């Protein structure tokens, strides 16, 4: 999530430095930001899926994990 914060700040600084940027430039910056963030979210989801350590997730053996164990 640190990378997400750095990308967000970088996009904001670029827009602040170039206030006269046209709509196409803003769309490209925001589109690039969305692609990077989407990739990060997918990577995090894949990592959680592979390790099986998600909150409330179930393992492939059908045993509950996390808060479900108390039930």
PDB file of N, CA and C in Angstrom:
ATOM      1  N   UNK A   1       0.808  -1.184   0.000  1.00  0.00           N
ATOM      2  CA  UNK A   1       0.000   0.000   0.000  1.00  0.00           C
ATOM      3  C   UNK A   1       0.865   1.268   0.000  1.00  0.00           C
ATOM      4  N   UNK A   2       2.115   1.097   0.361  1.00  0.00           N
ATOM      5  CA  UNK A   2       3.020   2.237   0.298  1.00  0.00           C
ATOM      6  C   UNK A   2       3.196   2.683  -1.151  1.00  0.00           C
ATOM      7  N   UNK A   3       3.269   1.709  -2.049  1.00  0.00           N
ATOM      8  CA  UNK A   3       3.406   2.038  -3.472  1.00  0.00           C
ATOM      9  C   UNK A   3       2.183   2.804  -3.950  1.00  0.00           C
ATOM     10  N   UNK A   4       1.002   2.430  -3.473  1.00  0.00           N
ATOM     11  CA  UNK A   4      -0.228   3.124  -3.857  1.00  0.00           C
ATOM     12  C   UNK A   4      -0.187   4.576  -3.408  1.00  0.00           C
ATOM     13  N   UNK A   5       0.306   4.809  -2.208  1.00  0.00           N
ATOM     14  CA  UNK A   5       0.399   6.178  -1.712  1.00  0.00           C
ATOM     15  C   UNK A   5       1.401   6.989  -2.530  1.00  0.00           C
ATOM     16  N   UNK A   6       2.520   6.380  -2.872  1.00  0.00           N
ATOM     17  CA  UNK A   6       3.537   7.081  -3.662  1.00  0.00           C
ATOM     18  C   UNK A   6       2.993   7.423  -5.048  1.00  0.00           C
ATOM     19  N   UNK A   7       2.281   6.493  -5.660  1.00  0.00           N
ATOM     20  CA  UNK A   7       1.712   6.753  -6.985  1.00  0.00           C
ATOM     21  C   UNK A   7       0.664   7.854  -6.910  1.00  0.00           C
ATOM     22  N   UNK A   8      -0.160   7.852  -5.871  1.00  0.00           N
ATOM     23  CA  UNK A   8      -1.176   8.887  -5.705  1.00  0.00           C
ATOM     24  C   UNK A   8      -0.541  10.265  -5.530  1.00  0.00           C
ATOM     25  N   UNK A   9       0.474  10.327  -4.705  1.00  0.00           N
ATOM     26  CA  UNK A   9       1.150  11.609  -4.483  1.00  0.00           C
ATOM     27  C   UNK A   9       1.840  12.070  -5.761  1.00  0.00           C
ATOM     28  N   UNK A  10       2.474  11.170  -6.479  1.00  0.00           N
ATOM     29  CA  UNK A  10       3.146  11.535  -7.729  1.00  0.00           C
ATOM     30  C   UNK A  10       2.149  12.076  -8.747  1.00  0.00           C
ATOM     31  N   UNK A  11       0.991  11.442  -8.865  1.00  0.00           N
ATOM     32  CA  UNK A  11      -0.030  11.935  -9.789  1.00  0.00           C
ATOM     33  C   UNK A  11      -0.513  13.314  -9.369  1.00  0.00           C
ATOM     34  N   UNK A  12      -0.703  13.521  -8.085  1.00  0.00           N
ATOM     35  CA  UNK A  12      -1.124  14.830  -7.591  1.00  0.00           C
ATOM     36  C   UNK A  12      -0.081  15.904  -7.836  1.00  0.00           C
ATOM     37  N   UNK A  13       1.189  15.573  -7.636  1.00  0.00           N
ATOM     38  CA  UNK A  13       2.269  16.544  -7.871  1.00  0.00           C
ATOM     39  C   UNK A  13       2.350  16.901  -9.350  1.00  0.00           C
ATOM     40  N   UNK A  14       2.212  15.908 -10.223  1.00  0.00           N
ATOM     41  CA  UNK A  14       2.238  16.199 -11.660  1.00  0.00           C
ATOM     42  C   UNK A  14       1.102  17.128 -12.059  1.00  0.00           C
ATOM     43  N   UNK A  15      -0.070  16.899 -11.507  1.00  0.00           N
ATOM     44  CA  UNK A  15      -1.193  17.782 -11.818  1.00  0.00           C
ATOM     45  C   UNK A  15      -0.999  19.170 -11.210  1.00  0.00           C
ATOM     46  N   UNK A  16      -0.363  19.247 -10.065  1.00  0.00           N
ATOM     47  CA  UNK A  16      -0.123  20.535  -9.424  1.00  0.00           C
ATOM     48  C   UNK A  16       0.932  21.340 -10.185  1.00  0.00           C
ATOM     49  N   UNK A  17       1.965  20.662 -10.685  1.00  0.00           N
ATOM     50  CA  UNK A  17       3.018  21.342 -11.425  1.00  0.00           C
ATOM     51  C   UNK A  17       2.551  21.829 -12.791  1.00  0.00           C
ATOM     52  N   UNK A  18       1.584  21.162 -13.358  1.00  0.00           N
ATOM     53  CA  UNK A  18       1.084  21.513 -14.691  1.00  0.00           C
ATOM     54  C   UNK A  18      -0.406  21.836 -14.623  1.00  0.00           C
ATOM     55  N   UNK A  19      -0.786  22.981 -14.044  1.00  0.00           N
ATOM     56  CA  UNK A  19      -2.211  23.287 -13.906  1.00  0.00           C
ATOM     57  C   UNK A  19      -2.900  23.526 -15.251  1.00  0.00           C
ATOM     58  N   UNK A  20      -2.145  23.834 -16.285  1.00  0.00           N
ATOM     59  CA  UNK A  20      -2.738  24.083 -17.587  1.00  0.00           C
ATOM     60  C   UNK A  20      -2.859  22.824 -18.429  1.00  0.00           C
ATOM     61  N   UNK A  21      -2.698  21.674 -17.818  1.00  0.00           N
ATOM     62  CA  UNK A  21      -2.768  20.414 -18.563  1.00  0.00           C
ATOM     63  C   UNK A  21      -4.177  20.229 -19.115  1.00  0.00           C
ATOM     64  N   UNK A  22      -4.245  19.712 -20.345  1.00  0.00           N
ATOM     65  CA  UNK A  22      -5.557  19.528 -20.944  1.00  0.00           C
ATOM     66  C   UNK A  22      -6.209  18.233 -20.453  1.00  0.00           C
ATOM     67  N   UNK A  23      -7.427  18.012 -20.865  1.00  0.00           N
ATOM     68  CA  UNK A  23      -8.208  16.875 -20.379  1.00  0.00           C
ATOM     69  C   UNK A  23      -7.572  15.537 -20.764  1.00  0.00           C
ATOM     70  N   UNK A  24      -6.918  15.486 -21.905  1.00  0.00           N
ATOM     71  CA  UNK A  24      -6.293  14.230 -22.339  1.00  0.00           C
ATOM     72  C   UNK A  24      -5.147  13.856 -21.400  1.00  0.00           C
ATOM     73  N   UNK A  25      -4.343  14.825 -21.009  1.00  0.00           N
ATOM     74  CA  UNK A  25      -3.233  14.546 -20.103  1.00  0.00           C
ATOM     75  C   UNK A  25      -3.737  14.082 -18.741  1.00  0.00           C
ATOM     76  N   UNK A  26      -4.784  14.738 -18.249  1.00  0.00           N
ATOM     77  CA  UNK A  26      -5.353  14.342 -16.962  1.00  0.00           C
ATOM     78  C   UNK A  26      -5.920  12.925 -17.061  1.00  0.00           C
ATOM     79  N   UNK A  27      -6.601  12.627 -18.170  1.00  0.00           N
ATOM     80  CA  UNK A  27      -7.162  11.286 -18.354  1.00  0.00           C
ATOM     81  C   UNK A  27      -6.056  10.240 -18.426  1.00  0.00           C
ATOM     82  N   UNK A  28      -4.942  10.558 -19.076  1.00  0.00           N
ATOM     83  CA  UNK A  28      -3.830   9.613 -19.152  1.00  0.00           C
ATOM     84  C   UNK A  28      -3.202   9.366 -17.782  1.00  0.00           C
ATOM     85  N   UNK A  29      -3.046  10.421 -17.009  1.00  0.00           N
ATOM     86  CA  UNK A  29      -2.480  10.271 -15.672  1.00  0.00           C
ATOM     87  C   UNK A  29      -3.404   9.432 -14.794  1.00  0.00           C
ATOM     88  N   UNK A  30      -4.685   9.758 -14.809  1.00  0.00           N
ATOM     89  CA  UNK A  30      -5.629   9.005 -13.983  1.00  0.00           C
ATOM     90  C   UNK A  30      -5.789   7.570 -14.485  1.00  0.00           C
ATOM     91  N   UNK A  31      -5.748   7.365 -15.798  1.00  0.00           N
ATOM     92  CA  UNK A  31      -5.827   6.020 -16.347  1.00  0.00           C
ATOM     93  C   UNK A  31      -4.623   5.183 -15.965  1.00  0.00           C
ATOM     94  N   UNK A  32      -3.439   5.780 -16.040  1.00  0.00           N
ATOM     95  CA  UNK A  32      -2.231   5.072 -15.610  1.00  0.00           C
ATOM     96  C   UNK A  32      -2.273   4.725 -14.136  1.00  0.00           C
ATOM     97  N   UNK A  33      -2.769   5.662 -13.350  1.00  0.00           N
ATOM     98  CA  UNK A  33      -2.917   5.424 -11.914  1.00  0.00           C
ATOM     99  C   UNK A  33      -3.873   4.263 -11.673  1.00  0.00           C
ATOM    100  N   UNK A  34      -4.986   4.233 -12.398  1.00  0.00           N
ATOM    101  CA  UNK A  34      -5.966   3.156 -12.228  1.00  0.00           C
ATOM    102  C   UNK A  34      -5.369   1.803 -12.630  1.00  0.00           C
ATOM    103  N   UNK A  35      -4.578   1.770 -13.693  1.00  0.00           N
ATOM    104  CA  UNK A  35      -3.945   0.518 -14.111  1.00  0.00           C
ATOM    105  C   UNK A  35      -2.952   0.017 -13.063  1.00  0.00           C
ATOM    106  N   UNK A  36      -2.152   0.920 -12.540  1.00  0.00           N
ATOM    107  CA  UNK A  36      -1.173   0.528 -11.522  1.00  0.00           C
ATOM    108  C   UNK A  36      -1.877   0.039 -10.264  1.00  0.00           C
ATOM    109  N   UNK A  37      -2.898   0.774  -9.821  1.00  0.00           N
ATOM    110  CA  UNK A  37      -3.619   0.377  -8.612  1.00  0.00           C
ATOM    111  C   UNK A  37      -4.337  -0.959  -8.819  1.00  0.00           C
ATOM    112  N   UNK A  38      -4.922  -1.152  -9.985  1.00  0.00           N
ATOM    113  CA  UNK A  38      -5.580  -2.420 -10.270  1.00  0.00           C
ATOM    114  C   UNK A  38      -4.610  -3.585 -10.236  1.00  0.00           C
ATOM    115  N   UNK A  39      -3.427  -3.377 -10.799  1.00  0.00           N
ATOM    116  CA  UNK A  39      -2.401  -4.410 -10.758  1.00  0.00           C
ATOM    117  C   UNK A  39      -1.958  -4.724  -9.340  1.00  0.00           C
ATOM    118  N   UNK A  40      -1.829  -3.693  -8.523  1.00  0.00           N
ATOM    119  CA  UNK A  40      -1.437  -3.909  -7.133  1.00  0.00           C
ATOM    120  C   UNK A  40      -2.515  -4.672  -6.368  1.00  0.00           C
ATOM    121  N   UNK A  41      -3.773  -4.309  -6.595  1.00  0.00           N
ATOM    122  CA  UNK A  41      -4.871  -5.004  -5.923  1.00  0.00           C
ATOM    123  C   UNK A  41      -4.941  -6.468  -6.366  1.00  0.00           C
ATOM    124  N   UNK A  42      -4.758  -6.705  -7.663  1.00  0.00           N
ATOM    125  CA  UNK A  42      -4.772  -8.083  -8.144  1.00  0.00           C
ATOM    126  C   UNK A  42      -3.616  -8.895  -7.555  1.00  0.00           C
ATOM    127  N   UNK A  43      -2.439  -8.284  -7.481  1.00  0.00           N
ATOM    128  CA  UNK A  43      -1.288  -8.972  -6.906  1.00  0.00           C
ATOM    129  C   UNK A  43      -1.522  -9.286  -5.430  1.00  0.00           C
ATOM    130  N   UNK A  44      -2.103  -8.342  -4.697  1.00  0.00           N
ATOM    131  CA  UNK A  44      -2.393  -8.583  -3.282  1.00  0.00           C
ATOM    132  C   UNK A  44      -3.439  -9.679  -3.115  1.00  0.00           C
ATOM    133  N   UNK A  45      -4.456  -9.671  -3.963  1.00  0.00           N
ATOM    134  CA  UNK A  45      -5.493 -10.698  -3.878  1.00  0.00           C
ATOM    135  C   UNK A  45      -4.920 -12.070  -4.226  1.00  0.00           C
ATOM    136  N   UNK A  46      -4.074 -12.126  -5.231  1.00  0.00           N
ATOM    137  CA  UNK A  46      -3.470 -13.403  -5.616  1.00  0.00           C
ATOM    138  C   UNK A  46      -2.574 -13.938  -4.508  1.00  0.00           C
ATOM    139  N   UNK A  47      -1.819 -13.040  -3.897  1.00  0.00           N
ATOM    140  CA  UNK A  47      -0.926 -13.461  -2.811  1.00  0.00           C
ATOM    141  C   UNK A  47      -1.744 -13.998  -1.632  1.00  0.00           C
ATOM    142  N   UNK A  48      -2.837 -13.308  -1.308  1.00  0.00           N
ATOM    143  CA  UNK A  48      -3.678 -13.772  -0.213  1.00  0.00           C
ATOM    144  C   UNK A  48      -4.341 -15.103  -0.566  1.00  0.00           C
ATOM    145  N   UNK A  49      -4.750 -15.243  -1.797  1.00  0.00           N
ATOM    146  CA  UNK A  49      -5.366 -16.500  -2.250  1.00  0.00           C
ATOM    147  C   UNK A  49      -4.375 -17.659  -2.153  1.00  0.00           C
ATOM    148  N   UNK A  50      -3.131 -17.417  -2.583  1.00  0.00           N
ATOM    149  CA  UNK A  50      -2.123 -18.483  -2.588  1.00  0.00           C
ATOM    150  C   UNK A  50      -1.715 -18.889  -1.178  1.00  0.00           C
ATOM    151  N   UNK A  51      -1.661 -17.931  -0.250  1.00  0.00           N
ATOM    152  CA  UNK A  51      -1.241 -18.256   1.111  1.00  0.00           C
ATOM    153  C   UNK A  51      -2.412 -18.716   1.964  1.00  0.00           C
ATOM    154  N   UNK A  52      -3.630 -18.361   1.595  1.00  0.00           N
ATOM    155  CA  UNK A  52      -4.800 -18.764   2.358  1.00  0.00           C
ATOM    156  C   UNK A  52      -4.894 -18.123   3.718  1.00  0.00           C
ATOM    157  N   UNK A  53      -4.325 -16.920   3.867  1.00  0.00           N
ATOM    158  CA  UNK A  53      -4.321 -16.256   5.164  1.00  0.00           C
ATOM    159  C   UNK A  53      -5.314 -15.114   5.233  1.00  0.00           C
ATOM    160  N   UNK A  54      -6.263 -15.083   4.339  1.00  0.00           N
ATOM    161  CA  UNK A  54      -7.239 -13.993   4.334  1.00  0.00           C
ATOM    162  C   UNK A  54      -8.165 -14.055   5.532  1.00  0.00           C
ATOM    163  N   UNK A  55      -8.677 -12.912   5.946  1.00  0.00           N
ATOM    164  CA  UNK A  55      -9.613 -12.847   7.062  1.00  0.00           C
ATOM    165  C   UNK A  55     -10.937 -13.440   6.619  1.00  0.00           C
ATOM    166  N   UNK A  56     -11.382 -14.457   7.317  1.00  0.00           N
ATOM    167  CA  UNK A  56     -12.653 -15.071   7.006  1.00  0.00           C
ATOM    168  C   UNK A  56     -12.603 -16.004   5.806  1.00  0.00           C
ATOM    169  N   UNK A  57     -11.422 -16.269   5.283  1.00  0.00           N
ATOM    170  CA  UNK A  57     -11.338 -17.154   4.129  1.00  0.00           C
ATOM    171  C   UNK A  57     -11.398 -18.601   4.592  1.00  0.00           C
ATOM    172  N   UNK A  58     -11.738 -19.449   3.687  1.00  0.00           N
ATOM    173  CA  UNK A  58     -11.786 -20.883   3.984  1.00  0.00           C
ATOM    174  C   UNK A  58     -10.686 -21.571   3.195  1.00  0.00           C
ATOM    175  N   UNK A  59     -10.110 -22.558   3.814  1.00  0.00           N
ATOM    176  CA  UNK A  59      -9.094 -23.320   3.103  1.00  0.00           C
ATOM    177  C   UNK A  59      -9.789 -24.311   2.183  1.00  0.00           C
ATOM    178  N   UNK A  60      -9.032 -24.927   1.311  1.00  0.00           N
ATOM    179  CA  UNK A  60      -9.613 -25.874   0.369  1.00  0.00           C
ATOM    180  C   UNK A  60     -10.072 -27.145   1.051  1.00  0.00           C
ATOM    181  N   UNK A  61      -9.694 -27.353   2.305  1.00  0.00           N
ATOM    182  CA  UNK A  61     -10.144 -28.549   3.022  1.00  0.00           C
ATOM    183  C   UNK A  61     -11.516 -28.344   3.635  1.00  0.00           C
ATOM    184  N   UNK A  62     -12.059 -27.124   3.557  1.00  0.00           N
ATOM    185  CA  UNK A  62     -13.391 -26.860   4.076  1.00  0.00           C
ATOM    186  C   UNK A  62     -13.413 -26.465   5.537  1.00  0.00           C
ATOM    187  N   UNK A  63     -12.236 -26.403   6.168  1.00  0.00           N
ATOM    188  CA  UNK A  63     -12.203 -25.992   7.572  1.00  0.00           C
ATOM    189  C   UNK A  63     -12.249 -24.486   7.649  1.00  0.00           C
ATOM    190  N   UNK A  64     -13.065 -23.931   8.554  1.00  0.00           N
ATOM    191  CA  UNK A  64     -13.123 -22.480   8.687  1.00  0.00           C
ATOM    192  C   UNK A  64     -11.859 -21.935   9.335  1.00  0.00           C
ATOM    193  N   UNK A  65     -11.563 -20.693   9.032  1.00  0.00           N
ATOM    194  CA  UNK A  65     -10.399 -20.049   9.626  1.00  0.00           C
ATOM    195  C   UNK A  65     -10.813 -18.706  10.184  1.00  0.00           C
ATOM    196  N   UNK A  66      -9.963 -18.112  10.981  1.00  0.00           N
ATOM    197  CA  UNK A  66     -10.239 -16.778  11.513  1.00  0.00           C
ATOM    198  C   UNK A  66     -11.364 -16.778  12.526  1.00  0.00           C
ATOM    199  N   UNK A  67     -12.277 -15.807  12.421  1.00  0.00           N
ATOM    200  CA  UNK A  67     -13.364 -15.641  13.387  1.00  0.00           C
ATOM    201  C   UNK A  67     -14.348 -16.805  13.325  1.00  0.00           C
ATOM    202  N   UNK A  68     -14.409 -17.513  12.215  1.00  0.00           N
ATOM    203  CA  UNK A  68     -15.345 -18.620  12.074  1.00  0.00           C
ATOM    204  C   UNK A  68     -14.986 -19.804  12.977  1.00  0.00           C
ATOM    205  N   UNK A  69     -13.736 -19.858  13.435  1.00  0.00           N
ATOM    206  CA  UNK A  69     -13.314 -20.947  14.299  1.00  0.00           C
ATOM    207  C   UNK A  69     -14.046 -20.903  15.646  1.00  0.00           C
ATOM    208  N   UNK A  70     -14.435 -19.708  16.092  1.00  0.00           N
ATOM    209  CA  UNK A  70     -15.095 -19.571  17.380  1.00  0.00           C
ATOM    210  C   UNK A  70     -16.517 -20.095  17.340  1.00  0.00           C
ATOM    211  N   UNK A  71     -17.105 -20.196  16.149  1.00  0.00           N
ATOM    212  CA  UNK A  71     -18.476 -20.680  16.039  1.00  0.00           C
ATOM    213  C   UNK A  71     -18.477 -22.142  16.169  1.00  0.00           C
TER     214      UNK A  71
END
